[in-house]
Amino acid sequence: MRIAVISDVHGNLPAFRAALDEVDRRGPFDALVGGGDVAFGGAFPEQCVWLAQTRRLASVRGNTDEWIVALSEGRDPDGHPLDVMRQDAGRWAAGQLGDDGVGFLRSLPFDWRCNGPSGQRLRVVHATPWSVHEIVLPDADQATTERMLDESGADVLLYGHIHRAYVRHVGERTLACVGSVGMPFDDDPRPCFLIAEDAGDGWILEHVRVPYDREAYFSAIHDSGIPRPESVVAMIRR
């Protein structure tokens, strides 16, 4: 069984396409899974949602997916008030997506699960098994990592959200962040996704990095109409 997990696209269409091209080159896969946050914060929210639908990503719900849905309904996400910058960006993305695109985000499930040929259970969430908002970093304490795995009910738990690719073994179980396609935060600007493969002996994980034309994307951000484009470019550069 082979699975590709693409997370945190954040409206970055050229990075998304570059990742999918590499997925196709390395395929076939039994499942293509989306780890959430497909539209918010980039120049191409509508096109990224359309591509996720067209490529039949088994997408899970991310925190910014919830933001867009809530803002489209004239409210802040439940229990998570947003600052003005995020509100403006979320409303703009919702306007670009329209009812159909927002409806797609509203329909996303919390998680995705499968069992490999080895019998090992794999689960994909956006952030944690109990929240799409909480942050668990690669250097989280042992109690937190054990809670992540205990509450997941899985042998391998994959998540996005923090935009930092890593793999951590916790006893006989594995916790990993799949990285970010649209906005990596781990000092490597290339889009990152994860391949999980189980040939009968347990899941083997591989992070994959691909190049894309960042400078052309920065120009697209400025041309897109997204609020505060200079801040978006600065964050991606940083």
C-alpha atoms as a PDB file:
ATOM      1  CA  MET A   1       0.000   0.000   0.000  1.00  0.00           C
ATOM      2  CA  ARG A   2       1.347   3.411  -1.006  1.00  0.00           C
ATOM      3  CA  ILE A   3      -0.091   6.742   0.135  1.00  0.00           C
ATOM      4  CA  ALA A   4       0.945  10.319  -0.673  1.00  0.00           C
ATOM      5  CA  VAL A   5      -0.011  13.021   1.827  1.00  0.00           C
ATOM      6  CA  ILE A   6      -0.054  16.660   0.695  1.00  0.00           C
ATOM      7  CA  SER A   7      -0.790  19.271   3.361  1.00  0.00           C
ATOM      8  CA  ASP A   8      -0.912  23.021   3.923  1.00  0.00           C
ATOM      9  CA  VAL A   9      -1.082  24.196   0.321  1.00  0.00           C
ATOM     10  CA  HIS A  10      -2.363  27.614   1.453  1.00  0.00           C
ATOM     11  CA  GLY A  11      -3.480  28.773  -1.967  1.00  0.00           C
ATOM     12  CA  ASN A  12      -0.051  28.275  -3.552  1.00  0.00           C
ATOM     13  CA  LEU A  13      -1.056  26.798  -6.901  1.00  0.00           C
ATOM     14  CA  PRO A  14       2.384  26.477  -8.554  1.00  0.00           C
ATOM     15  CA  ALA A  15       3.767  24.676  -5.479  1.00  0.00           C
ATOM     16  CA  PHE A  16       0.691  22.406  -5.433  1.00  0.00           C
ATOM     17  CA  ARG A  17       1.148  21.564  -9.102  1.00  0.00           C
ATOM     18  CA  ALA A  18       4.848  20.861  -8.580  1.00  0.00           C
ATOM     19  CA  ALA A  19       4.028  18.454  -5.749  1.00  0.00           C
ATOM     20  CA  LEU A  20       1.349  16.690  -7.779  1.00  0.00           C
ATOM     21  CA  ASP A  21       3.693  16.353 -10.750  1.00  0.00           C
ATOM     22  CA  GLU A  22       6.179  14.577  -8.494  1.00  0.00           C
ATOM     23  CA  VAL A  23       3.405  12.401  -7.069  1.00  0.00           C
ATOM     24  CA  ASP A  24       2.514  11.377 -10.608  1.00  0.00           C
ATOM     25  CA  ARG A  25       6.150  10.668 -11.404  1.00  0.00           C
ATOM     26  CA  ARG A  26       6.499   8.411  -8.368  1.00  0.00           C
ATOM     27  CA  GLY A  27       3.083   6.765  -8.661  1.00  0.00           C
ATOM     28  CA  PRO A  28       0.880   4.903  -8.697  1.00  0.00           C
ATOM     29  CA  PHE A  29      -0.556   5.402  -5.207  1.00  0.00           C
ATOM     30  CA  ASP A  30      -3.475   3.719  -3.501  1.00  0.00           C
ATOM     31  CA  ALA A  31      -4.585   7.026  -1.984  1.00  0.00           C
ATOM     32  CA  LEU A  32      -3.796  10.709  -2.306  1.00  0.00           C
ATOM     33  CA  VAL A  33      -4.592  12.404   0.997  1.00  0.00           C
ATOM     34  CA  GLY A  34      -4.889  16.126   1.708  1.00  0.00           C
ATOM     35  CA  GLY A  35      -3.834  17.269   5.171  1.00  0.00           C
ATOM     36  CA  GLY A  36      -5.913  20.463   5.350  1.00  0.00           C
ATOM     37  CA  ASP A  37      -5.420  24.215   4.816  1.00  0.00           C
ATOM     38  CA  VAL A  38      -5.778  24.092   1.070  1.00  0.00           C
ATOM     39  CA  ALA A  39      -6.932  27.646   0.286  1.00  0.00           C
ATOM     40  CA  PHE A  40      -6.185  30.303   2.914  1.00  0.00           C
ATOM     41  CA  GLY A  41      -3.258  32.692   2.621  1.00  0.00           C
ATOM     42  CA  GLY A  42      -2.253  32.423  -1.011  1.00  0.00           C
ATOM     43  CA  ALA A  43      -2.960  33.869  -4.426  1.00  0.00           C
ATOM     44  CA  PHE A  44      -5.056  30.990  -5.809  1.00  0.00           C
ATOM     45  CA  PRO A  45      -7.643  29.716  -3.283  1.00  0.00           C
ATOM     46  CA  GLU A  46     -10.287  28.820  -5.871  1.00  0.00           C
ATOM     47  CA  GLN A  47      -7.867  27.036  -8.185  1.00  0.00           C
ATOM     48  CA  CYS A  48      -6.315  25.032  -5.343  1.00  0.00           C
ATOM     49  CA  VAL A  49      -9.708  23.828  -4.129  1.00  0.00           C
ATOM     50  CA  TRP A  50     -10.662  22.939  -7.710  1.00  0.00           C
ATOM     51  CA  LEU A  51      -7.417  20.996  -8.154  1.00  0.00           C
ATOM     52  CA  ALA A  52      -7.917  19.141  -4.867  1.00  0.00           C
ATOM     53  CA  GLN A  53     -11.389  18.142  -6.052  1.00  0.00           C
ATOM     54  CA  THR A  54     -10.258  17.250  -9.561  1.00  0.00           C
ATOM     55  CA  ARG A  55      -7.417  15.074  -8.282  1.00  0.00           C
ATOM     56  CA  ARG A  56      -9.764  13.460  -5.753  1.00  0.00           C
ATOM     57  CA  LEU A  57      -7.679  14.212  -2.688  1.00  0.00           C
ATOM     58  CA  ALA A  58      -9.130  12.518   0.380  1.00  0.00           C
ATOM     59  CA  SER A  59      -8.811  15.808   2.232  1.00  0.00           C
ATOM     60  CA  VAL A  60      -9.160  16.410   5.956  1.00  0.00           C
ATOM     61  CA  ARG A  61     -10.190  19.692   7.567  1.00  0.00           C
ATOM     62  CA  GLY A  62      -7.589  22.250   8.625  1.00  0.00           C
ATOM     63  CA  ASN A  63      -7.840  25.231  10.940  1.00  0.00           C
ATOM     64  CA  THR A  64      -7.821  27.774   8.111  1.00  0.00           C
ATOM     65  CA  ASP A  65     -10.474  25.762   6.283  1.00  0.00           C
ATOM     66  CA  GLU A  66     -12.644  26.334   9.358  1.00  0.00           C
ATOM     67  CA  TRP A  67     -11.688  30.031   9.342  1.00  0.00           C
ATOM     68  CA  ILE A  68     -12.890  30.501   5.773  1.00  0.00           C
ATOM     69  CA  VAL A  69     -16.178  28.713   6.448  1.00  0.00           C
ATOM     70  CA  ALA A  70     -16.849  30.734   9.600  1.00  0.00           C
ATOM     71  CA  LEU A  71     -15.975  34.071   8.003  1.00  0.00           C
ATOM     72  CA  SER A  72     -18.178  33.284   5.019  1.00  0.00           C
ATOM     73  CA  GLU A  73     -21.018  32.984   7.547  1.00  0.00           C
ATOM     74  CA  GLY A  74     -20.173  36.322   9.168  1.00  0.00           C
ATOM     75  CA  ARG A  75     -18.598  34.954  12.337  1.00  0.00           C
ATOM     76  CA  ASP A  76     -15.270  34.031  13.861  1.00  0.00           C
ATOM     77  CA  PRO A  77     -14.396  30.325  14.199  1.00  0.00           C
ATOM     78  CA  ASP A  78     -15.869  28.896  17.399  1.00  0.00           C
ATOM     79  CA  GLY A  79     -13.541  29.692  20.281  1.00  0.00           C
ATOM     80  CA  HIS A  80     -10.852  31.148  18.020  1.00  0.00           C
ATOM     81  CA  PRO A  81     -11.231  34.896  17.409  1.00  0.00           C
ATOM     82  CA  LEU A  82      -9.098  36.136  14.533  1.00  0.00           C
ATOM     83  CA  ASP A  83      -7.111  39.329  14.192  1.00  0.00           C
ATOM     84  CA  VAL A  84      -7.974  41.832  11.471  1.00  0.00           C
ATOM     85  CA  MET A  85      -5.305  40.560   9.053  1.00  0.00           C
ATOM     86  CA  ARG A  86      -6.590  36.980   9.194  1.00  0.00           C
ATOM     87  CA  GLN A  87     -10.187  38.114   8.961  1.00  0.00           C
ATOM     88  CA  ASP A  88      -9.446  40.122   5.821  1.00  0.00           C
ATOM     89  CA  ALA A  89      -7.513  37.258   4.241  1.00  0.00           C
ATOM     90  CA  GLY A  90     -10.224  34.737   5.109  1.00  0.00           C
ATOM     91  CA  ARG A  91     -13.052  36.877   3.755  1.00  0.00           C
ATOM     92  CA  TRP A  92     -11.127  37.478   0.543  1.00  0.00           C
ATOM     93  CA  ALA A  93     -10.520  33.734   0.130  1.00  0.00           C
ATOM     94  CA  ALA A  94     -14.180  32.978   0.815  1.00  0.00           C
ATOM     95  CA  GLY A  95     -15.169  35.510  -1.846  1.00  0.00           C
ATOM     96  CA  GLN A  96     -12.859  33.872  -4.353  1.00  0.00           C
ATOM     97  CA  LEU A  97     -14.179  30.397  -3.553  1.00  0.00           C
ATOM     98  CA  GLY A  98     -17.869  31.197  -3.744  1.00  0.00           C
ATOM     99  CA  ASP A  99     -20.584  28.949  -2.346  1.00  0.00           C
ATOM    100  CA  ASP A 100     -19.338  25.762  -3.990  1.00  0.00           C
ATOM    101  CA  GLY A 101     -15.754  26.147  -2.799  1.00  0.00           C
ATOM    102  CA  VAL A 102     -16.776  27.086   0.731  1.00  0.00           C
ATOM    103  CA  GLY A 103     -19.175  24.163   0.705  1.00  0.00           C
ATOM    104  CA  PHE A 104     -16.314  21.832  -0.154  1.00  0.00           C
ATOM    105  CA  LEU A 105     -14.335  23.091   2.851  1.00  0.00           C
ATOM    106  CA  ARG A 106     -17.402  22.767   5.076  1.00  0.00           C
ATOM    107  CA  SER A 107     -17.783  19.125   4.072  1.00  0.00           C
ATOM    108  CA  LEU A 108     -14.246  18.040   4.949  1.00  0.00           C
ATOM    109  CA  PRO A 109     -13.932  15.316   7.614  1.00  0.00           C
ATOM    110  CA  PHE A 110     -11.714  15.573  10.679  1.00  0.00           C
ATOM    111  CA  ASP A 111      -9.407  12.662   9.819  1.00  0.00           C
ATOM    112  CA  TRP A 112      -8.489   9.897   7.372  1.00  0.00           C
ATOM    113  CA  ARG A 113      -7.557   6.335   8.359  1.00  0.00           C
ATOM    114  CA  CYS A 114      -6.349   3.087   6.853  1.00  0.00           C
ATOM    115  CA  ASN A 115      -4.693  -0.181   7.821  1.00  0.00           C
ATOM    116  CA  GLY A 116      -1.627  -1.335   5.919  1.00  0.00           C
ATOM    117  CA  PRO A 117      -0.914  -4.904   4.788  1.00  0.00           C
ATOM    118  CA  SER A 118       1.170  -5.308   7.946  1.00  0.00           C
ATOM    119  CA  GLY A 119      -1.894  -4.548  10.045  1.00  0.00           C
ATOM    120  CA  GLN A 120      -0.394  -1.303  11.295  1.00  0.00           C
ATOM    121  CA  ARG A 121      -2.942   1.477  11.616  1.00  0.00           C
ATOM    122  CA  LEU A 122      -2.241   4.854   9.992  1.00  0.00           C
ATOM    123  CA  ARG A 123      -4.184   8.041  10.679  1.00  0.00           C
ATOM    124  CA  VAL A 124      -3.972  11.526   9.133  1.00  0.00           C
ATOM    125  CA  VAL A 125      -5.160  14.658  10.967  1.00  0.00           C
ATOM    126  CA  HIS A 126      -4.427  18.313  10.441  1.00  0.00           C
ATOM    127  CA  ALA A 127      -2.996  19.221  13.851  1.00  0.00           C
ATOM    128  CA  THR A 128      -3.829  16.763  16.658  1.00  0.00           C
ATOM    129  CA  PRO A 129      -6.350  13.937  17.161  1.00  0.00           C
ATOM    130  CA  TRP A 130      -8.456  16.305  19.279  1.00  0.00           C
ATOM    131  CA  SER A 131      -8.108  19.701  17.554  1.00  0.00           C
ATOM    132  CA  VAL A 132      -7.352  21.355  14.210  1.00  0.00           C
ATOM    133  CA  HIS A 133      -5.830  24.319  16.042  1.00  0.00           C
ATOM    134  CA  GLU A 134      -3.341  23.117  18.657  1.00  0.00           C
ATOM    135  CA  ILE A 135       0.377  23.199  17.885  1.00  0.00           C
ATOM    136  CA  VAL A 136       2.669  20.241  18.551  1.00  0.00           C
ATOM    137  CA  LEU A 137       6.246  20.996  17.513  1.00  0.00           C
ATOM    138  CA  PRO A 138       8.968  18.472  16.633  1.00  0.00           C
ATOM    139  CA  ASP A 139      10.598  18.895  20.067  1.00  0.00           C
ATOM    140  CA  ALA A 140       7.377  18.390  22.047  1.00  0.00           C
ATOM    141  CA  ASP A 141       7.810  16.616  25.372  1.00  0.00           C
ATOM    142  CA  GLN A 142       7.331  12.880  25.680  1.00  0.00           C
ATOM    143  CA  ALA A 143       3.952  13.188  27.388  1.00  0.00           C
ATOM    144  CA  THR A 144       2.576  15.223  24.490  1.00  0.00           C
ATOM    145  CA  THR A 145       3.849  12.853  21.821  1.00  0.00           C
ATOM    146  CA  GLU A 146       2.427   9.869  23.694  1.00  0.00           C
ATOM    147  CA  ARG A 147      -0.914  11.639  24.023  1.00  0.00           C
ATOM    148  CA  MET A 148      -0.906  12.334  20.276  1.00  0.00           C
ATOM    149  CA  LEU A 149      -0.450   8.658  19.525  1.00  0.00           C
ATOM    150  CA  ASP A 150      -2.674   7.347  22.312  1.00  0.00           C
ATOM    151  CA  GLU A 151      -5.625   9.492  21.253  1.00  0.00           C
ATOM    152  CA  SER A 152      -5.058   8.734  17.576  1.00  0.00           C
ATOM    153  CA  GLY A 153      -5.508   5.005  18.147  1.00  0.00           C
ATOM    154  CA  ALA A 154      -2.892   4.476  15.438  1.00  0.00           C
ATOM    155  CA  ASP A 155       0.565   3.029  15.037  1.00  0.00           C
ATOM    156  CA  VAL A 156       1.510   5.907  12.733  1.00  0.00           C
ATOM    157  CA  LEU A 157       0.060   9.403  13.108  1.00  0.00           C
ATOM    158  CA  LEU A 158       0.663  11.960  10.347  1.00  0.00           C
ATOM    159  CA  TYR A 159      -0.204  15.630  10.634  1.00  0.00           C
ATOM    160  CA  GLY A 160       0.470  19.033   9.065  1.00  0.00           C
ATOM    161  CA  HIS A 161      -0.283  22.436  10.603  1.00  0.00           C
ATOM    162  CA  ILE A 162       3.216  23.314  11.873  1.00  0.00           C
ATOM    163  CA  HIS A 163       4.817  23.359   8.384  1.00  0.00           C
ATOM    164  CA  ARG A 164       7.920  21.582   9.726  1.00  0.00           C
ATOM    165  CA  ALA A 165       8.683  18.155   8.283  1.00  0.00           C
ATOM    166  CA  TYR A 166       9.991  15.553  10.726  1.00  0.00           C
ATOM    167  CA  VAL A 167       9.665  11.915  11.785  1.00  0.00           C
ATOM    168  CA  ARG A 168       9.821  10.854  15.435  1.00  0.00           C
ATOM    169  CA  HIS A 169       9.689   7.305  16.763  1.00  0.00           C
ATOM    170  CA  VAL A 170       7.932   6.875  20.099  1.00  0.00           C
ATOM    171  CA  GLY A 171       8.574   3.314  21.193  1.00  0.00           C
ATOM    172  CA  GLU A 172       7.134   1.120  18.441  1.00  0.00           C
ATOM    173  CA  ARG A 173       4.890   3.903  17.140  1.00  0.00           C
ATOM    174  CA  THR A 174       5.656   6.836  14.838  1.00  0.00           C
ATOM    175  CA  LEU A 175       4.647  10.486  14.856  1.00  0.00           C
ATOM    176  CA  ALA A 176       5.418  12.642  11.810  1.00  0.00           C
ATOM    177  CA  CYS A 177       4.621  16.027  10.327  1.00  0.00           C
ATOM    178  CA  VAL A 178       4.218  15.732   6.576  1.00  0.00           C
ATOM    179  CA  GLY A 179       5.499  19.281   5.997  1.00  0.00           C
ATOM    180  CA  SER A 180       3.916  22.042   3.941  1.00  0.00           C
ATOM    181  CA  VAL A 181       3.526  22.416   0.201  1.00  0.00           C
ATOM    182  CA  GLY A 182       2.666  26.108   0.161  1.00  0.00           C
ATOM    183  CA  MET A 183       4.561  27.649   3.092  1.00  0.00           C
ATOM    184  CA  PRO A 184       7.398  25.537   4.544  1.00  0.00           C
ATOM    185  CA  PHE A 185       8.635  26.846   7.912  1.00  0.00           C
ATOM    186  CA  ASP A 186      11.672  24.543   8.283  1.00  0.00           C
ATOM    187  CA  ASP A 187      14.398  26.528   6.486  1.00  0.00           C
ATOM    188  CA  ASP A 188      13.886  24.699   3.181  1.00  0.00           C
ATOM    189  CA  PRO A 189      11.696  26.753   0.819  1.00  0.00           C
ATOM    190  CA  ARG A 190      10.831  23.831  -1.436  1.00  0.00           C
ATOM    191  CA  PRO A 191       7.318  22.334  -1.226  1.00  0.00           C
ATOM    192  CA  CYS A 192       7.289  19.195   0.896  1.00  0.00           C
ATOM    193  CA  PHE A 193       4.952  16.206   0.977  1.00  0.00           C
ATOM    194  CA  LEU A 194       5.165  12.695   2.438  1.00  0.00           C
ATOM    195  CA  ILE A 195       5.002   9.192   1.021  1.00  0.00           C
ATOM    196  CA  ALA A 196       3.950   6.342   3.323  1.00  0.00           C
ATOM    197  CA  GLU A 197       4.450   2.781   2.116  1.00  0.00           C
ATOM    198  CA  ASP A 198       3.611  -0.547   3.769  1.00  0.00           C
ATOM    199  CA  ALA A 199       4.808  -3.625   1.912  1.00  0.00           C
ATOM    200  CA  GLY A 200       3.796  -5.923   4.746  1.00  0.00           C
ATOM    201  CA  ASP A 201       6.458  -5.074   7.323  1.00  0.00           C
ATOM    202  CA  GLY A 202       5.096  -1.760   8.618  1.00  0.00           C
ATOM    203  CA  TRP A 203       4.907   1.802   7.363  1.00  0.00           C
ATOM    204  CA  ILE A 204       8.010   3.443   5.899  1.00  0.00           C
ATOM    205  CA  LEU A 205       7.875   7.231   5.618  1.00  0.00           C
ATOM    206  CA  GLU A 206       9.697   9.480   3.145  1.00  0.00           C
ATOM    207  CA  HIS A 207       9.573  13.253   2.828  1.00  0.00           C
ATOM    208  CA  VAL A 208       9.832  14.548  -0.732  1.00  0.00           C
ATOM    209  CA  ARG A 209      10.931  18.089  -1.716  1.00  0.00           C
ATOM    210  CA  VAL A 210      10.302  19.627  -5.110  1.00  0.00           C
ATOM    211  CA  PRO A 211      11.396  22.921  -6.717  1.00  0.00           C
ATOM    212  CA  TYR A 212       9.129  25.620  -8.101  1.00  0.00           C
ATOM    213  CA  ASP A 213       9.449  29.209  -9.258  1.00  0.00           C
ATOM    214  CA  ARG A 214       8.969  31.231  -6.067  1.00  0.00           C
ATOM    215  CA  GLU A 215       9.694  34.592  -7.649  1.00  0.00           C
ATOM    216  CA  ALA A 216       6.963  34.097 -10.232  1.00  0.00           C
ATOM    217  CA  TYR A 217       4.595  33.166  -7.427  1.00  0.00           C
ATOM    218  CA  PHE A 218       5.473  36.327  -5.513  1.00  0.00           C
ATOM    219  CA  SER A 219       4.478  38.346  -8.586  1.00  0.00           C
ATOM    220  CA  ALA A 220       1.203  36.430  -8.733  1.00  0.00           C
ATOM    221  CA  ILE A 221       0.504  37.291  -5.105  1.00  0.00           C
ATOM    222  CA  HIS A 222       0.869  40.993  -5.830  1.00  0.00           C
ATOM    223  CA  ASP A 223      -1.455  40.667  -8.836  1.00  0.00           C
ATOM    224  CA  SER A 224      -4.086  38.538  -7.087  1.00  0.00           C
ATOM    225  CA  GLY A 225      -5.901  41.139  -5.006  1.00  0.00           C
ATOM    226  CA  ILE A 226      -5.219  39.353  -1.727  1.00  0.00           C
ATOM    227  CA  PRO A 227      -5.104  41.807   1.203  1.00  0.00           C
ATOM    228  CA  ARG A 228      -1.619  42.867   2.320  1.00  0.00           C
ATOM    229  CA  PRO A 229       0.284  41.009  -0.417  1.00  0.00           C
ATOM    230  CA  GLU A 230       3.636  42.342   0.789  1.00  0.00           C
ATOM    231  CA  SER A 231       3.085  40.624   4.152  1.00  0.00           C
ATOM    232  CA  VAL A 232       2.278  37.311   2.446  1.00  0.00           C
ATOM    233  CA  VAL A 233       5.444  37.508   0.340  1.00  0.00           C
ATOM    234  CA  ALA A 234       7.544  38.468   3.352  1.00  0.00           C
ATOM    235  CA  MET A 235       6.247  35.501   5.357  1.00  0.00           C
ATOM    236  CA  ILE A 236       7.011  33.023   2.578  1.00  0.00           C
ATOM    237  CA  ARG A 237      10.477  34.503   2.086  1.00  0.00           C
ATOM    238  CA  ARG A 238      11.164  34.352   5.803  1.00  0.00           C
END
